[in-house]
Amino acid sequence: MSAAGEIGRSESAVPVSRSSCPASGLAAERVLRAWNIEDLRGMAKRRLPRAIFDFFVGAAEDEITLRENRAAFERVRLAPKVLAGVARIDTAATILGARAELPIAIGPTGGIG
């Protein structure tokens, strides 16, 4: 990612949670230190044999689609609207034909035992 389009690391940024990381042990610790895809790409480049790394980061033939996809992704800009329009929030929903003002449901997960 170019420096102009890069989003800087922030003290308020939240890394991936430990429970969502498929790796374990030292590998998990390394993955959790990654803040973006470029960090993960660098880790993979250092650890994988070149042929395997090239297979995963490459694309078919002239890699035109890969370049176009990256260019399109670079054009995306996020503009978060924190607490915008919170004066009239309606949390209600219709569940099985009945209106629920605060639709929180508890499912029978784990009941089979």
PDB file of N, CA and C in Angstrom:
ATOM      1  N   MET A   1       0.856  -1.172   0.000  1.00  0.00           N
ATOM      2  CA  MET A   1       0.000   0.000   0.000  1.00  0.00           C
ATOM      3  C   MET A   1       0.895   1.225   0.000  1.00  0.00           C
ATOM      4  N   SER A   2       0.571   2.223  -0.781  1.00  0.00           N
ATOM      5  CA  SER A   2       1.381   3.421  -0.854  1.00  0.00           C
ATOM      6  C   SER A   2       1.258   4.231   0.418  1.00  0.00           C
ATOM      7  N   ALA A   3       2.273   5.052   0.669  1.00  0.00           N
ATOM      8  CA  ALA A   3       2.269   5.861   1.886  1.00  0.00           C
ATOM      9  C   ALA A   3       1.095   6.823   1.903  1.00  0.00           C
ATOM     10  N   ALA A   4       0.699   7.326   0.733  1.00  0.00           N
ATOM     11  CA  ALA A   4      -0.418   8.275   0.673  1.00  0.00           C
ATOM     12  C   ALA A   4      -1.733   7.620   1.054  1.00  0.00           C
ATOM     13  N   GLY A   5      -1.917   6.367   0.701  1.00  0.00           N
ATOM     14  CA  GLY A   5      -3.175   5.693   0.981  1.00  0.00           C
ATOM     15  C   GLY A   5      -3.160   4.885   2.265  1.00  0.00           C
ATOM     16  N   GLU A   6      -2.012   4.844   2.931  1.00  0.00           N
ATOM     17  CA  GLU A   6      -1.895   4.008   4.123  1.00  0.00           C
ATOM     18  C   GLU A   6      -2.570   4.646   5.317  1.00  0.00           C
ATOM     19  N   ILE A   7      -3.263   3.840   6.057  1.00  0.00           N
ATOM     20  CA  ILE A   7      -3.886   4.298   7.287  1.00  0.00           C
ATOM     21  C   ILE A   7      -2.909   3.987   8.400  1.00  0.00           C
ATOM     22  N   GLY A   8      -2.516   4.993   9.147  1.00  0.00           N
ATOM     23  CA  GLY A   8      -1.524   4.808  10.194  1.00  0.00           C
ATOM     24  C   GLY A   8      -2.038   3.983  11.351  1.00  0.00           C
ATOM     25  N   ARG A   9      -1.114   3.415  12.098  1.00  0.00           N
ATOM     26  CA  ARG A   9      -1.484   2.670  13.291  1.00  0.00           C
ATOM     27  C   ARG A   9      -1.903   3.653  14.364  1.00  0.00           C
ATOM     28  N   SER A  10      -2.896   3.298  15.074  1.00  0.00           N
ATOM     29  CA  SER A  10      -3.446   4.177  16.088  1.00  0.00           C
ATOM     30  C   SER A  10      -3.452   3.470  17.426  1.00  0.00           C
ATOM     31  N   GLU A  11      -3.303   4.241  18.486  1.00  0.00           N
ATOM     32  CA  GLU A  11      -3.374   3.658  19.820  1.00  0.00           C
ATOM     33  C   GLU A  11      -4.761   3.084  20.075  1.00  0.00           C
ATOM     34  N   SER A  12      -5.778   3.616  19.389  1.00  0.00           N
ATOM     35  CA  SER A  12      -7.137   3.129  19.599  1.00  0.00           C
ATOM     36  C   SER A  12      -7.476   1.932  18.717  1.00  0.00           C
ATOM     37  N   ALA A  13      -6.549   1.538  17.834  1.00  0.00           N
ATOM     38  CA  ALA A  13      -6.806   0.399  16.957  1.00  0.00           C
ATOM     39  C   ALA A  13      -6.870  -0.875  17.787  1.00  0.00           C
ATOM     40  N   VAL A  14      -7.755  -1.764  17.408  1.00  0.00           N
ATOM     41  CA  VAL A  14      -7.935  -3.015  18.140  1.00  0.00           C
ATOM     42  C   VAL A  14      -7.434  -4.158  17.273  1.00  0.00           C
ATOM     43  N   PRO A  15      -6.427  -4.915  17.732  1.00  0.00           N
ATOM     44  CA  PRO A  15      -5.934  -6.037  16.935  1.00  0.00           C
ATOM     45  C   PRO A  15      -6.916  -7.200  16.946  1.00  0.00           C
ATOM     46  N   VAL A  16      -6.625  -8.202  16.142  1.00  0.00           N
ATOM     47  CA  VAL A  16      -7.450  -9.404  16.072  1.00  0.00           C
ATOM     48  C   VAL A  16      -7.490 -10.040  17.457  1.00  0.00           C
ATOM     49  N   SER A  17      -8.639 -10.537  17.852  1.00  0.00           N
ATOM     50  CA  SER A  17      -8.744 -11.161  19.173  1.00  0.00           C
ATOM     51  C   SER A  17      -8.080 -12.525  19.171  1.00  0.00           C
ATOM     52  N   ARG A  18      -7.597 -12.941  20.314  1.00  0.00           N
ATOM     53  CA  ARG A  18      -6.923 -14.232  20.433  1.00  0.00           C
ATOM     54  C   ARG A  18      -7.850 -15.388  20.073  1.00  0.00           C
ATOM     55  N   SER A  19      -9.125 -15.265  20.390  1.00  0.00           N
ATOM     56  CA  SER A  19     -10.047 -16.370  20.131  1.00  0.00           C
ATOM     57  C   SER A  19     -10.324 -16.569  18.648  1.00  0.00           C
ATOM     58  N   SER A  20     -10.064 -15.553  17.814  1.00  0.00           N
ATOM     59  CA  SER A  20     -10.346 -15.692  16.385  1.00  0.00           C
ATOM     60  C   SER A  20      -9.115 -16.088  15.581  1.00  0.00           C
ATOM     61  N   CYS A  21      -7.984 -16.295  16.241  1.00  0.00           N
ATOM     62  CA  CYS A  21      -6.748 -16.640  15.546  1.00  0.00           C
ATOM     63  C   CYS A  21      -6.632 -18.154  15.408  1.00  0.00           C
ATOM     64  N   PRO A  22      -6.528 -18.678  14.172  1.00  0.00           N
ATOM     65  CA  PRO A  22      -6.475 -20.123  13.985  1.00  0.00           C
ATOM     66  C   PRO A  22      -5.131 -20.731  14.389  1.00  0.00           C
ATOM     67  N   ALA A  23      -4.082 -19.916  14.483  1.00  0.00           N
ATOM     68  CA  ALA A  23      -2.765 -20.433  14.850  1.00  0.00           C
ATOM     69  C   ALA A  23      -2.680 -20.591  16.362  1.00  0.00           C
ATOM     70  N   SER A  24      -1.619 -21.229  16.825  1.00  0.00           N
ATOM     71  CA  SER A  24      -1.461 -21.388  18.263  1.00  0.00           C
ATOM     72  C   SER A  24      -0.022 -21.104  18.656  1.00  0.00           C
ATOM     73  N   GLY A  25       0.188 -20.817  19.929  1.00  0.00           N
ATOM     74  CA  GLY A  25       1.527 -20.615  20.444  1.00  0.00           C
ATOM     75  C   GLY A  25       2.212 -19.391  19.868  1.00  0.00           C
ATOM     76  N   LEU A  26       3.513 -19.549  19.557  1.00  0.00           N
ATOM     77  CA  LEU A  26       4.326 -18.445  19.060  1.00  0.00           C
ATOM     78  C   LEU A  26       3.798 -17.910  17.730  1.00  0.00           C
ATOM     79  N   ALA A  27       3.329 -18.804  16.859  1.00  0.00           N
ATOM     80  CA  ALA A  27       2.776 -18.363  15.570  1.00  0.00           C
ATOM     81  C   ALA A  27       1.585 -17.449  15.787  1.00  0.00           C
ATOM     82  N   ALA A  28       0.742 -17.779  16.749  1.00  0.00           N
ATOM     83  CA  ALA A  28      -0.425 -16.943  17.042  1.00  0.00           C
ATOM     84  C   ALA A  28       0.010 -15.573  17.519  1.00  0.00           C
ATOM     85  N   GLU A  29       1.027 -15.529  18.361  1.00  0.00           N
ATOM     86  CA  GLU A  29       1.521 -14.238  18.856  1.00  0.00           C
ATOM     87  C   GLU A  29       2.007 -13.370  17.697  1.00  0.00           C
ATOM     88  N   ARG A  30       2.691 -13.975  16.741  1.00  0.00           N
ATOM     89  CA  ARG A  30       3.175 -13.213  15.583  1.00  0.00           C
ATOM     90  C   ARG A  30       2.008 -12.695  14.745  1.00  0.00           C
ATOM     91  N   VAL A  31       1.024 -13.557  14.508  1.00  0.00           N
ATOM     92  CA  VAL A  31      -0.137 -13.156  13.709  1.00  0.00           C
ATOM     93  C   VAL A  31      -0.889 -12.026  14.400  1.00  0.00           C
ATOM     94  N   LEU A  32      -1.007 -12.094  15.705  1.00  0.00           N
ATOM     95  CA  LEU A  32      -1.746 -11.068  16.441  1.00  0.00           C
ATOM     96  C   LEU A  32      -1.044  -9.714  16.417  1.00  0.00           C
ATOM     97  N   ARG A  33       0.247  -9.698  16.105  1.00  0.00           N
ATOM     98  CA  ARG A  33       0.966  -8.417  16.007  1.00  0.00           C
ATOM     99  C   ARG A  33       0.749  -7.747  14.650  1.00  0.00           C
ATOM    100  N   ALA A  34       0.145  -8.445  13.715  1.00  0.00           N
ATOM    101  CA  ALA A  34      -0.111  -7.881  12.383  1.00  0.00           C
ATOM    102  C   ALA A  34      -1.269  -6.897  12.462  1.00  0.00           C
ATOM    103  N   TRP A  35      -1.095  -5.741  11.841  1.00  0.00           N
ATOM    104  CA  TRP A  35      -2.138  -4.715  11.829  1.00  0.00           C
ATOM    105  C   TRP A  35      -2.859  -4.652  10.498  1.00  0.00           C
ATOM    106  N   ASN A  36      -2.275  -5.257   9.470  1.00  0.00           N
ATOM    107  CA  ASN A  36      -2.902  -5.209   8.153  1.00  0.00           C
ATOM    108  C   ASN A  36      -2.380  -6.358   7.291  1.00  0.00           C
ATOM    109  N   ILE A  37      -2.893  -6.446   6.092  1.00  0.00           N
ATOM    110  CA  ILE A  37      -2.513  -7.527   5.182  1.00  0.00           C
ATOM    111  C   ILE A  37      -1.037  -7.446   4.807  1.00  0.00           C
ATOM    112  N   GLU A  38      -0.504  -6.241   4.684  1.00  0.00           N
ATOM    113  CA  GLU A  38       0.913  -6.098   4.337  1.00  0.00           C
ATOM    114  C   GLU A  38       1.807  -6.682   5.421  1.00  0.00           C
ATOM    115  N   ASP A  39       1.435  -6.514   6.688  1.00  0.00           N
ATOM    116  CA  ASP A  39       2.195  -7.134   7.778  1.00  0.00           C
ATOM    117  C   ASP A  39       2.176  -8.653   7.638  1.00  0.00           C
ATOM    118  N   LEU A  40       1.002  -9.216   7.350  1.00  0.00           N
ATOM    119  CA  LEU A  40       0.888 -10.665   7.176  1.00  0.00           C
ATOM    120  C   LEU A  40       1.677 -11.138   5.955  1.00  0.00           C
ATOM    121  N   ARG A  41       1.644 -10.349   4.881  1.00  0.00           N
ATOM    122  CA  ARG A  41       2.387 -10.705   3.666  1.00  0.00           C
ATOM    123  C   ARG A  41       3.890 -10.767   3.962  1.00  0.00           C
ATOM    124  N   GLY A  42       4.382  -9.795   4.733  1.00  0.00           N
ATOM    125  CA  GLY A  42       5.799  -9.791   5.105  1.00  0.00           C
ATOM    126  C   GLY A  42       6.174 -11.013   5.932  1.00  0.00           C
ATOM    127  N   MET A  43       5.315 -11.385   6.865  1.00  0.00           N
ATOM    128  CA  MET A  43       5.563 -12.582   7.678  1.00  0.00           C
ATOM    129  C   MET A  43       5.609 -13.825   6.799  1.00  0.00           C
ATOM    130  N   ALA A  44       4.660 -13.926   5.877  1.00  0.00           N
ATOM    131  CA  ALA A  44       4.605 -15.087   4.985  1.00  0.00           C
ATOM    132  C   ALA A  44       5.842 -15.148   4.095  1.00  0.00           C
ATOM    133  N   LYS A  45       6.278 -13.996   3.608  1.00  0.00           N
ATOM    134  CA  LYS A  45       7.445 -13.964   2.720  1.00  0.00           C
ATOM    135  C   LYS A  45       8.697 -14.450   3.449  1.00  0.00           C
ATOM    136  N   ARG A  46       8.820 -14.098   4.711  1.00  0.00           N
ATOM    137  CA  ARG A  46       9.982 -14.529   5.488  1.00  0.00           C
ATOM    138  C   ARG A  46       9.932 -16.016   5.842  1.00  0.00           C
ATOM    139  N   ARG A  47       8.747 -16.588   5.976  1.00  0.00           N
ATOM    140  CA  ARG A  47       8.622 -17.961   6.480  1.00  0.00           C
ATOM    141  C   ARG A  47       8.418 -19.021   5.398  1.00  0.00           C
ATOM    142  N   LEU A  48       7.773 -18.664   4.298  1.00  0.00           N
ATOM    143  CA  LEU A  48       7.435 -19.665   3.280  1.00  0.00           C
ATOM    144  C   LEU A  48       8.535 -19.800   2.236  1.00  0.00           C
ATOM    145  N   PRO A  49       8.697 -20.995   1.663  1.00  0.00           N
ATOM    146  CA  PRO A  49       9.589 -21.131   0.509  1.00  0.00           C
ATOM    147  C   PRO A  49       9.081 -20.223  -0.620  1.00  0.00           C
ATOM    148  N   ARG A  50       9.999 -19.701  -1.411  1.00  0.00           N
ATOM    149  CA  ARG A  50       9.644 -18.712  -2.430  1.00  0.00           C
ATOM    150  C   ARG A  50       8.544 -19.192  -3.379  1.00  0.00           C
ATOM    151  N   ALA A  51       8.617 -20.428  -3.843  1.00  0.00           N
ATOM    152  CA  ALA A  51       7.619 -20.930  -4.798  1.00  0.00           C
ATOM    153  C   ALA A  51       6.218 -20.922  -4.190  1.00  0.00           C
ATOM    154  N   ILE A  52       6.113 -21.287  -2.933  1.00  0.00           N
ATOM    155  CA  ILE A  52       4.804 -21.311  -2.275  1.00  0.00           C
ATOM    156  C   ILE A  52       4.301 -19.891  -2.058  1.00  0.00           C
ATOM    157  N   PHE A  53       5.187 -19.006  -1.601  1.00  0.00           N
ATOM    158  CA  PHE A  53       4.793 -17.609  -1.397  1.00  0.00           C
ATOM    159  C   PHE A  53       4.333 -16.987  -2.714  1.00  0.00           C
ATOM    160  N   ASP A  54       5.101 -17.187  -3.782  1.00  0.00           N
ATOM    161  CA  ASP A  54       4.739 -16.629  -5.089  1.00  0.00           C
ATOM    162  C   ASP A  54       3.387 -17.148  -5.571  1.00  0.00           C
ATOM    163  N   PHE A  55       3.080 -18.412  -5.285  1.00  0.00           N
ATOM    164  CA  PHE A  55       1.793 -18.977  -5.681  1.00  0.00           C
ATOM    165  C   PHE A  55       0.647 -18.238  -4.991  1.00  0.00           C
ATOM    166  N   PHE A  56       0.789 -17.977  -3.706  1.00  0.00           N
ATOM    167  CA  PHE A  56      -0.290 -17.338  -2.955  1.00  0.00           C
ATOM    168  C   PHE A  56      -0.448 -15.855  -3.264  1.00  0.00           C
ATOM    169  N   VAL A  57       0.632 -15.144  -3.529  1.00  0.00           N
ATOM    170  CA  VAL A  57       0.507 -13.704  -3.774  1.00  0.00           C
ATOM    171  C   VAL A  57       0.366 -13.372  -5.249  1.00  0.00           C
ATOM    172  N   GLY A  58       0.584 -14.341  -6.117  1.00  0.00           N
ATOM    173  CA  GLY A  58       0.515 -14.094  -7.545  1.00  0.00           C
ATOM    174  C   GLY A  58      -0.877 -14.270  -8.106  1.00  0.00           C
ATOM    175  N   ALA A  59      -0.955 -14.166  -9.417  1.00  0.00           N
ATOM    176  CA  ALA A  59      -2.230 -14.331 -10.112  1.00  0.00           C
ATOM    177  C   ALA A  59      -1.942 -14.971 -11.467  1.00  0.00           C
ATOM    178  N   ALA A  60      -2.971 -15.219 -12.230  1.00  0.00           N
ATOM    179  CA  ALA A  60      -2.828 -15.892 -13.519  1.00  0.00           C
ATOM    180  C   ALA A  60      -2.280 -14.949 -14.589  1.00  0.00           C
ATOM    181  N   GLU A  61      -1.518 -15.521 -15.476  1.00  0.00           N
ATOM    182  CA  GLU A  61      -0.993 -14.858 -16.667  1.00  0.00           C
ATOM    183  C   GLU A  61      -0.360 -13.504 -16.357  1.00  0.00           C
ATOM    184  N   ASP A  62      -0.896 -12.414 -16.897  1.00  0.00           N
ATOM    185  CA  ASP A  62      -0.285 -11.092 -16.730  1.00  0.00           C
ATOM    186  C   ASP A  62      -0.714 -10.380 -15.449  1.00  0.00           C
ATOM    187  N   GLU A  63      -1.462 -11.036 -14.621  1.00  0.00           N
ATOM    188  CA  GLU A  63      -1.921 -10.502 -13.329  1.00  0.00           C
ATOM    189  C   GLU A  63      -2.729  -9.210 -13.470  1.00  0.00           C
ATOM    190  N   ILE A  64      -3.441  -9.072 -14.581  1.00  0.00           N
ATOM    191  CA  ILE A  64      -4.236  -7.863 -14.829  1.00  0.00           C
ATOM    192  C   ILE A  64      -5.351  -7.727 -13.802  1.00  0.00           C
ATOM    193  N   THR A  65      -6.064  -8.802 -13.540  1.00  0.00           N
ATOM    194  CA  THR A  65      -7.166  -8.747 -12.575  1.00  0.00           C
ATOM    195  C   THR A  65      -6.646  -8.408 -11.188  1.00  0.00           C
ATOM    196  N   LEU A  66      -5.517  -8.970 -10.813  1.00  0.00           N
ATOM    197  CA  LEU A  66      -4.922  -8.669  -9.509  1.00  0.00           C
ATOM    198  C   LEU A  66      -4.623  -7.178  -9.393  1.00  0.00           C
ATOM    199  N   ARG A  67      -4.013  -6.598 -10.417  1.00  0.00           N
ATOM    200  CA  ARG A  67      -3.701  -5.154 -10.393  1.00  0.00           C
ATOM    201  C   ARG A  67      -4.968  -4.317 -10.328  1.00  0.00           C
ATOM    202  N   GLU A  68      -5.979  -4.691 -11.111  1.00  0.00           N
ATOM    203  CA  GLU A  68      -7.237  -3.942 -11.105  1.00  0.00           C
ATOM    204  C   GLU A  68      -7.933  -4.035  -9.751  1.00  0.00           C
ATOM    205  N   ASN A  69      -7.923  -5.218  -9.148  1.00  0.00           N
ATOM    206  CA  ASN A  69      -8.545  -5.378  -7.830  1.00  0.00           C
ATOM    207  C   ASN A  69      -7.829  -4.540  -6.781  1.00  0.00           C
ATOM    208  N   ARG A  70      -6.510  -4.545  -6.814  1.00  0.00           N
ATOM    209  CA  ARG A  70      -5.753  -3.728  -5.850  1.00  0.00           C
ATOM    210  C   ARG A  70      -6.015  -2.244  -6.072  1.00  0.00           C
ATOM    211  N   ALA A  71      -6.065  -1.816  -7.322  1.00  0.00           N
ATOM    212  CA  ALA A  71      -6.333  -0.407  -7.619  1.00  0.00           C
ATOM    213  C   ALA A  71      -7.723  -0.009  -7.131  1.00  0.00           C
ATOM    214  N   ALA A  72      -8.705  -0.871  -7.335  1.00  0.00           N
ATOM    215  CA  ALA A  72     -10.066  -0.582  -6.869  1.00  0.00           C
ATOM    216  C   ALA A  72     -10.103  -0.503  -5.351  1.00  0.00           C
ATOM    217  N   PHE A  73      -9.395  -1.393  -4.689  1.00  0.00           N
ATOM    218  CA  PHE A  73      -9.361  -1.383  -3.226  1.00  0.00           C
ATOM    219  C   PHE A  73      -8.690  -0.110  -2.712  1.00  0.00           C
ATOM    220  N   GLU A  74      -7.649   0.349  -3.393  1.00  0.00           N
ATOM    221  CA  GLU A  74      -6.959   1.585  -2.994  1.00  0.00           C
ATOM    222  C   GLU A  74      -7.873   2.802  -3.099  1.00  0.00           C
ATOM    223  N   ARG A  75      -8.848   2.765  -3.996  1.00  0.00           N
ATOM    224  CA  ARG A  75      -9.757   3.905  -4.164  1.00  0.00           C
ATOM    225  C   ARG A  75     -10.813   3.985  -3.067  1.00  0.00           C
ATOM    226  N   VAL A  76     -10.983   2.916  -2.314  1.00  0.00           N
ATOM    227  CA  VAL A  76     -11.992   2.895  -1.249  1.00  0.00           C
ATOM    228  C   VAL A  76     -11.485   3.692  -0.056  1.00  0.00           C
ATOM    229  N   ARG A  77     -12.301   4.591   0.419  1.00  0.00           N
ATOM    230  CA  ARG A  77     -11.974   5.372   1.610  1.00  0.00           C
ATOM    231  C   ARG A  77     -13.104   5.218   2.604  1.00  0.00           C
ATOM    232  N   LEU A  78     -12.765   4.930   3.831  1.00  0.00           N
ATOM    233  CA  LEU A  78     -13.764   4.793   4.877  1.00  0.00           C
ATOM    234  C   LEU A  78     -13.963   6.136   5.558  1.00  0.00           C
ATOM    235  N   ALA A  79     -15.200   6.514   5.740  1.00  0.00           N
ATOM    236  CA  ALA A  79     -15.542   7.755   6.435  1.00  0.00           C
ATOM    237  C   ALA A  79     -16.499   7.410   7.569  1.00  0.00           C
ATOM    238  N   PRO A  80     -15.965   6.993   8.711  1.00  0.00           N
ATOM    239  CA  PRO A  80     -16.847   6.597   9.807  1.00  0.00           C
ATOM    240  C   PRO A  80     -17.660   7.770  10.332  1.00  0.00           C
ATOM    241  N   LYS A  81     -18.889   7.511  10.651  1.00  0.00           N
ATOM    242  CA  LYS A  81     -19.778   8.529  11.198  1.00  0.00           C
ATOM    243  C   LYS A  81     -20.139   8.097  12.615  1.00  0.00           C
ATOM    244  N   VAL A  82     -19.251   8.365  13.529  1.00  0.00           N
ATOM    245  CA  VAL A  82     -19.435   7.955  14.913  1.00  0.00           C
ATOM    246  C   VAL A  82     -20.546   8.768  15.556  1.00  0.00           C
ATOM    247  N   LEU A  83     -21.496   8.086  16.131  1.00  0.00           N
ATOM    248  CA  LEU A  83     -22.633   8.689  16.820  1.00  0.00           C
ATOM    249  C   LEU A  83     -23.417   9.661  15.943  1.00  0.00           C
ATOM    250  N   ALA A  84     -23.442   9.430  14.650  1.00  0.00           N
ATOM    251  CA  ALA A  84     -24.208  10.283  13.740  1.00  0.00           C
ATOM    252  C   ALA A  84     -25.656   9.822  13.718  1.00  0.00           C
ATOM    253  N   GLY A  85     -26.564  10.737  13.963  1.00  0.00           N
ATOM    254  CA  GLY A  85     -27.984  10.429  13.892  1.00  0.00           C
ATOM    255  C   GLY A  85     -28.461   9.466  14.959  1.00  0.00           C
ATOM    256  N   VAL A  86     -27.993   9.619  16.188  1.00  0.00           N
ATOM    257  CA  VAL A  86     -28.388   8.690  17.247  1.00  0.00           C
ATOM    258  C   VAL A  86     -29.589   9.184  18.051  1.00  0.00           C
ATOM    259  N   ALA A  87     -30.152  10.316  17.669  1.00  0.00           N
ATOM    260  CA  ALA A  87     -31.279  10.877  18.419  1.00  0.00           C
ATOM    261  C   ALA A  87     -32.525  10.001  18.310  1.00  0.00           C
ATOM    262  N   ARG A  88     -32.725   9.359  17.158  1.00  0.00           N
ATOM    263  CA  ARG A  88     -33.937   8.559  16.942  1.00  0.00           C
ATOM    264  C   ARG A  88     -33.586   7.136  16.522  1.00  0.00           C
ATOM    265  N   ILE A  89     -33.058   6.374  17.426  1.00  0.00           N
ATOM    266  CA  ILE A  89     -32.707   4.987  17.122  1.00  0.00           C
ATOM    267  C   ILE A  89     -33.873   4.083  17.494  1.00  0.00           C
ATOM    268  N   ASP A  90     -34.200   3.168  16.596  1.00  0.00           N
ATOM    269  CA  ASP A  90     -35.275   2.217  16.851  1.00  0.00           C
ATOM    270  C   ASP A  90     -34.679   0.814  16.791  1.00  0.00           C
ATOM    271  N   THR A  91     -34.587   0.159  17.925  1.00  0.00           N
ATOM    272  CA  THR A  91     -34.012  -1.187  17.970  1.00  0.00           C
ATOM    273  C   THR A  91     -35.053  -2.275  17.762  1.00  0.00           C
ATOM    274  N   ALA A  92     -36.290  -1.891  17.605  1.00  0.00           N
ATOM    275  CA  ALA A  92     -37.377  -2.867  17.487  1.00  0.00           C
ATOM    276  C   ALA A  92     -37.263  -3.681  16.207  1.00  0.00           C
ATOM    277  N   ALA A  93     -37.771  -4.896  16.280  1.00  0.00           N
ATOM    278  CA  ALA A  93     -37.812  -5.789  15.124  1.00  0.00           C
ATOM    279  C   ALA A  93     -39.034  -6.687  15.258  1.00  0.00           C
ATOM    280  N   THR A  94     -39.450  -7.244  14.147  1.00  0.00           N
ATOM    281  CA  THR A  94     -40.560  -8.187  14.169  1.00  0.00           C
ATOM    282  C   THR A  94     -39.989  -9.595  14.115  1.00  0.00           C
ATOM    283  N   ILE A  95     -40.309 -10.381  15.134  1.00  0.00           N
ATOM    284  CA  ILE A  95     -39.815 -11.755  15.222  1.00  0.00           C
ATOM    285  C   ILE A  95     -41.015 -12.687  15.265  1.00  0.00           C
ATOM    286  N   LEU A  96     -41.136 -13.533  14.267  1.00  0.00           N
ATOM    287  CA  LEU A  96     -42.258 -14.467  14.148  1.00  0.00           C
ATOM    288  C   LEU A  96     -43.599 -13.747  14.254  1.00  0.00           C
ATOM    289  N   GLY A  97     -43.686 -12.574  13.635  1.00  0.00           N
ATOM    290  CA  GLY A  97     -44.932 -11.819  13.600  1.00  0.00           C
ATOM    291  C   GLY A  97     -45.198 -10.949  14.808  1.00  0.00           C
ATOM    292  N   ALA A  98     -44.349 -10.990  15.816  1.00  0.00           N
ATOM    293  CA  ALA A  98     -44.549 -10.169  17.019  1.00  0.00           C
ATOM    294  C   ALA A  98     -43.467  -9.101  17.091  1.00  0.00           C
ATOM    295  N   ARG A  99     -43.866  -7.900  17.473  1.00  0.00           N
ATOM    296  CA  ARG A  99     -42.907  -6.800  17.582  1.00  0.00           C
ATOM    297  C   ARG A  99     -42.137  -6.931  18.901  1.00  0.00           C
ATOM    298  N   ALA A 100     -40.825  -6.843  18.804  1.00  0.00           N
ATOM    299  CA  ALA A 100     -39.963  -6.885  19.987  1.00  0.00           C
ATOM    300  C   ALA A 100     -39.202  -5.572  20.045  1.00  0.00           C
ATOM    301  N   GLU A 101     -39.366  -4.816  21.125  1.00  0.00           N
ATOM    302  CA  GLU A 101     -38.707  -3.516  21.257  1.00  0.00           C
ATOM    303  C   GLU A 101     -37.188  -3.657  21.330  1.00  0.00           C
ATOM    304  N   LEU A 102     -36.704  -4.667  22.005  1.00  0.00           N
ATOM    305  CA  LEU A 102     -35.268  -4.930  22.090  1.00  0.00           C
ATOM    306  C   LEU A 102     -35.065  -6.410  21.762  1.00  0.00           C
ATOM    307  N   PRO A 103     -34.866  -6.731  20.492  1.00  0.00           N
ATOM    308  CA  PRO A 103     -34.861  -8.133  20.051  1.00  0.00           C
ATOM    309  C   PRO A 103     -33.598  -8.895  20.453  1.00  0.00           C
ATOM    310  N   ILE A 104     -33.605  -9.386  21.660  1.00  0.00           N
ATOM    311  CA  ILE A 104     -32.515 -10.237  22.130  1.00  0.00           C
ATOM    312  C   ILE A 104     -33.106 -11.620  22.348  1.00  0.00           C
ATOM    313  N   ALA A 105     -32.486 -12.609  21.731  1.00  0.00           N
ATOM    314  CA  ALA A 105     -33.008 -13.972  21.845  1.00  0.00           C
ATOM    315  C   ALA A 105     -31.901 -14.898  22.316  1.00  0.00           C
ATOM    316  N   ILE A 106     -32.271 -15.908  23.049  1.00  0.00           N
ATOM    317  CA  ILE A 106     -31.317 -16.905  23.519  1.00  0.00           C
ATOM    318  C   ILE A 106     -31.673 -18.223  22.853  1.00  0.00           C
ATOM    319  N   GLY A 107     -30.719 -18.772  22.134  1.00  0.00           N
ATOM    320  CA  GLY A 107     -30.949 -20.030  21.430  1.00  0.00           C
ATOM    321  C   GLY A 107     -30.544 -21.226  22.272  1.00  0.00           C
ATOM    322  N   PRO A 108     -30.981 -22.413  21.869  1.00  0.00           N
ATOM    323  CA  PRO A 108     -30.703 -23.630  22.637  1.00  0.00           C
ATOM    324  C   PRO A 108     -29.313 -24.206  22.368  1.00  0.00           C
ATOM    325  N   THR A 109     -28.338 -23.368  22.110  1.00  0.00           N
ATOM    326  CA  THR A 109     -26.989 -23.832  21.803  1.00  0.00           C
ATOM    327  C   THR A 109     -26.399 -24.609  22.973  1.00  0.00           C
ATOM    328  N   GLY A 110     -25.846 -25.740  22.710  1.00  0.00           N
ATOM    329  CA  GLY A 110     -25.193 -26.548  23.737  1.00  0.00           C
ATOM    330  C   GLY A 110     -26.150 -27.365  24.576  1.00  0.00           C
ATOM    331  N   GLY A 111     -27.407 -27.335  24.276  1.00  0.00           N
ATOM    332  CA  GLY A 111     -28.387 -28.065  25.067  1.00  0.00           C
ATOM    333  C   GLY A 111     -28.395 -29.562  24.815  1.00  0.00           C
ATOM    334  N   ILE A 112     -27.701 -30.008  23.786  1.00  0.00           N
ATOM    335  CA  ILE A 112     -27.712 -31.428  23.438  1.00  0.00           C
ATOM    336  C   ILE A 112     -26.785 -32.218  24.358  1.00  0.00           C
ATOM    337  N   GLY A 113     -25.690 -31.578  24.772  1.00  0.00           N
ATOM    338  CA  GLY A 113     -24.777 -32.104  25.756  1.00  0.00           C
ATOM    339  C   GLY A 113     -24.112 -33.341  25.462  1.00  0.00           C
TER     340      GLY A 113
END
